[in-house]
Amino acid sequence: MTQHTITQHTITRPITPEEFAITWRLVDWRQEYDDGRLQYPMGENPQGLIAYRDGRMYEIATSADRPNFVTGGQWDADDAEKAMAYTTSMCYAGTYELQGDEVVHHVDMSVYPNFVGKSLRRTVSWDGETMTLSGRMEEGTSEARTVILDWRPL
């Protein structure tokens, strides 16, 4: 994970349901920790999509420079390669509710099993070009942070 200094982000206006319910391309994913750290969990050029349609949603994000497996295939590669593939990706799906300036993702399935059955609340902002989803994670721990993902229409 790359570390940098924290930057400010401006919220401009709420997004309408019609603007929201499309497929979006990930342009930035950063985590601003309460202790001042700034990290880019998928690197500074992440790849990803998030889509909202008919009350359902999915999100997939990966690092742009993920290495191919060399020790085996999808199921029989060595544990280190499979762990790296997990570390450089995130995906989940479920239902969603747009509630004013927030979206709630009700997670049905996820590569990260701890998300399953959870409701992830994200603040939504929209400047007419970029939609930003932000939310708090791991409150009350040394890893407490604000997660900020910037998306543009696909």
Protein backbone atom coordinates (compact mmCIF):
# COMPACT_ATOMS: atom_id res chain seq x y z
CA MET A 1 0.00 0.00 0.00
CA THR A 2 1.25 3.44 -0.94
CA GLN A 3 1.23 6.07 1.82
CA HIS A 4 0.85 9.83 1.25
CA THR A 5 -0.43 12.87 3.10
CA ILE A 6 -4.18 13.44 3.46
CA THR A 7 -5.91 15.67 0.92
CA GLN A 8 -9.20 17.54 1.32
CA HIS A 9 -12.31 16.47 -0.62
CA THR A 10 -15.20 18.77 -1.49
CA ILE A 11 -18.84 17.65 -1.49
CA THR A 12 -20.85 19.60 -4.03
CA ARG A 13 -24.46 18.38 -4.39
CA PRO A 14 -26.73 15.36 -3.87
CA ILE A 15 -27.13 12.90 -6.74
CA THR A 16 -30.57 12.12 -8.16
CA PRO A 17 -31.79 8.51 -8.33
CA GLU A 18 -31.69 8.73 -12.15
CA GLU A 19 -28.04 9.88 -12.14
CA PHE A 20 -27.14 7.25 -9.56
CA ALA A 21 -28.61 4.05 -11.07
CA ILE A 22 -25.94 3.37 -13.71
CA THR A 23 -22.56 1.65 -13.98
CA TRP A 24 -19.56 3.60 -12.68
CA ARG A 25 -15.79 3.24 -13.28
CA LEU A 26 -13.43 3.54 -10.30
CA VAL A 27 -10.91 6.40 -10.58
CA ASP A 28 -9.54 6.63 -7.01
CA TRP A 29 -9.69 4.68 -3.75
CA ARG A 30 -8.00 6.12 -0.70
CA GLN A 31 -8.18 5.57 3.04
CA GLU A 32 -7.64 8.50 5.40
CA TYR A 33 -6.71 7.14 8.83
CA ASP A 34 -7.47 9.03 12.03
CA ASP A 35 -3.73 8.99 12.87
CA GLY A 36 -2.89 10.93 9.66
CA ARG A 37 -1.92 8.08 7.35
CA LEU A 38 -3.21 8.04 3.77
CA GLN A 39 -3.20 4.75 1.89
CA TYR A 40 -4.24 3.59 -1.55
CA PRO A 41 -5.21 -0.08 -1.00
CA MET A 42 -5.35 -0.87 -4.73
CA GLY A 43 -2.50 1.44 -5.70
CA GLU A 44 -2.77 4.86 -7.27
CA ASN A 45 -4.41 3.57 -10.47
CA PRO A 46 -7.14 1.19 -9.30
CA GLN A 47 -9.50 -0.56 -11.68
CA GLY A 48 -13.10 -1.22 -10.80
CA LEU A 49 -16.80 -1.03 -11.49
CA ILE A 50 -19.84 -0.45 -9.36
CA ALA A 51 -23.36 -0.78 -10.74
CA TYR A 52 -26.80 0.00 -9.38
CA ARG A 53 -29.94 -1.31 -11.07
CA ASP A 54 -33.40 -2.44 -9.95
CA GLY A 55 -32.47 -2.36 -6.27
CA ARG A 56 -29.37 -4.59 -6.77
CA MET A 57 -25.71 -3.59 -6.78
CA TYR A 58 -22.26 -5.05 -7.33
CA GLU A 59 -18.76 -3.68 -6.83
CA ILE A 60 -15.43 -5.07 -8.00
CA ALA A 61 -12.07 -3.34 -7.61
CA THR A 62 -8.53 -4.50 -8.31
CA SER A 63 -5.02 -3.19 -8.41
CA ALA A 64 -3.98 -2.32 -11.97
CA ASP A 65 -0.69 -4.23 -11.74
CA ARG A 66 -1.82 -7.63 -10.41
CA PRO A 67 0.68 -10.37 -11.29
CA ASN A 68 -0.42 -13.51 -13.15
CA PHE A 69 -0.15 -16.84 -11.33
CA VAL A 70 2.98 -18.77 -12.26
CA THR A 71 2.83 -21.73 -9.84
CA GLY A 72 -0.49 -23.14 -10.99
CA GLY A 73 -4.02 -22.39 -12.06
CA GLN A 74 -6.94 -20.66 -10.38
CA TRP A 75 -7.39 -23.38 -7.75
CA ASP A 76 -3.95 -24.99 -7.42
CA ALA A 77 -1.57 -22.00 -7.42
CA ASP A 78 0.54 -21.71 -4.28
CA ASP A 79 -0.90 -20.00 -1.22
CA ALA A 80 1.28 -16.88 -1.57
CA GLU A 81 -0.04 -16.18 -5.08
CA LYS A 82 -3.64 -16.75 -4.00
CA ALA A 83 -3.11 -14.46 -0.98
CA MET A 84 -1.72 -11.73 -3.27
CA ALA A 85 -4.74 -12.09 -5.57
CA TYR A 86 -7.02 -11.62 -2.55
CA THR A 87 -5.01 -8.65 -1.25
CA THR A 88 -5.24 -6.86 -4.60
CA SER A 89 -8.99 -7.21 -5.10
CA MET A 90 -12.34 -6.55 -3.44
CA CYS A 91 -15.80 -7.45 -4.61
CA TYR A 92 -19.25 -7.72 -3.13
CA ALA A 93 -22.89 -7.66 -4.22
CA GLY A 94 -26.32 -7.25 -2.70
CA THR A 95 -29.21 -4.84 -2.57
CA TYR A 96 -29.05 -1.09 -2.02
CA GLU A 97 -31.13 1.81 -0.79
CA LEU A 98 -30.46 5.42 -1.78
CA GLN A 99 -31.43 7.55 1.24
CA GLY A 100 -30.86 11.25 0.55
CA ASP A 101 -27.10 11.82 0.54
CA GLU A 102 -26.35 8.23 1.60
CA VAL A 103 -26.46 4.80 0.00
CA VAL A 104 -26.75 1.64 2.06
CA HIS A 105 -25.30 -1.55 0.56
CA HIS A 106 -26.92 -4.65 2.07
CA VAL A 107 -24.26 -7.28 1.33
CA ASP A 108 -25.40 -10.76 0.23
CA MET A 109 -22.02 -12.06 -0.96
CA SER A 110 -18.42 -10.86 -0.79
CA VAL A 111 -14.86 -12.03 -1.31
CA TYR A 112 -14.37 -10.65 2.24
CA PRO A 113 -16.67 -12.92 4.30
CA ASN A 114 -17.06 -10.42 7.17
CA PHE A 115 -19.14 -8.13 4.89
CA VAL A 116 -21.82 -10.81 4.26
CA GLY A 117 -25.03 -9.93 6.07
CA LYS A 118 -23.79 -6.41 6.87
CA SER A 119 -25.17 -3.05 5.76
CA LEU A 120 -22.46 -0.68 4.55
CA ARG A 121 -23.52 2.96 4.80
CA ARG A 122 -21.77 5.40 2.44
CA THR A 123 -22.12 9.16 2.03
CA VAL A 124 -22.70 10.06 -1.63
CA SER A 125 -21.58 13.29 -3.25
CA TRP A 126 -21.73 14.29 -6.90
CA ASP A 127 -20.15 17.19 -8.76
CA GLY A 128 -21.67 16.40 -12.16
CA GLU A 129 -18.57 14.44 -13.23
CA THR A 130 -17.39 12.37 -10.24
CA MET A 131 -19.46 10.50 -7.67
CA THR A 132 -17.72 10.03 -4.33
CA LEU A 133 -18.69 7.32 -1.86
CA SER A 134 -17.21 7.67 1.62
CA GLY A 135 -17.69 5.89 4.89
CA ARG A 136 -16.13 5.10 8.25
CA MET A 137 -14.51 1.77 9.04
CA GLU A 138 -13.09 0.12 12.15
CA GLU A 139 -14.21 2.86 14.54
CA GLY A 140 -12.59 2.74 17.97
CA THR A 141 -9.48 0.88 16.78
CA SER A 142 -5.98 1.95 15.72
CA GLU A 143 -7.17 1.30 12.12
CA ALA A 144 -10.14 3.74 12.28
CA ARG A 145 -10.42 5.53 8.98
CA THR A 146 -12.55 7.16 6.31
CA VAL A 147 -12.67 5.22 3.07
CA ILE A 148 -13.16 7.40 -0.03
CA LEU A 149 -13.88 6.02 -3.50
CA ASP A 150 -14.28 8.26 -6.56
CA TRP A 151 -16.31 6.96 -9.51
CA ARG A 152 -17.14 8.31 -12.99
CA PRO A 153 -19.93 7.14 -15.32
CA LEU A 154 -18.85 4.28 -17.56
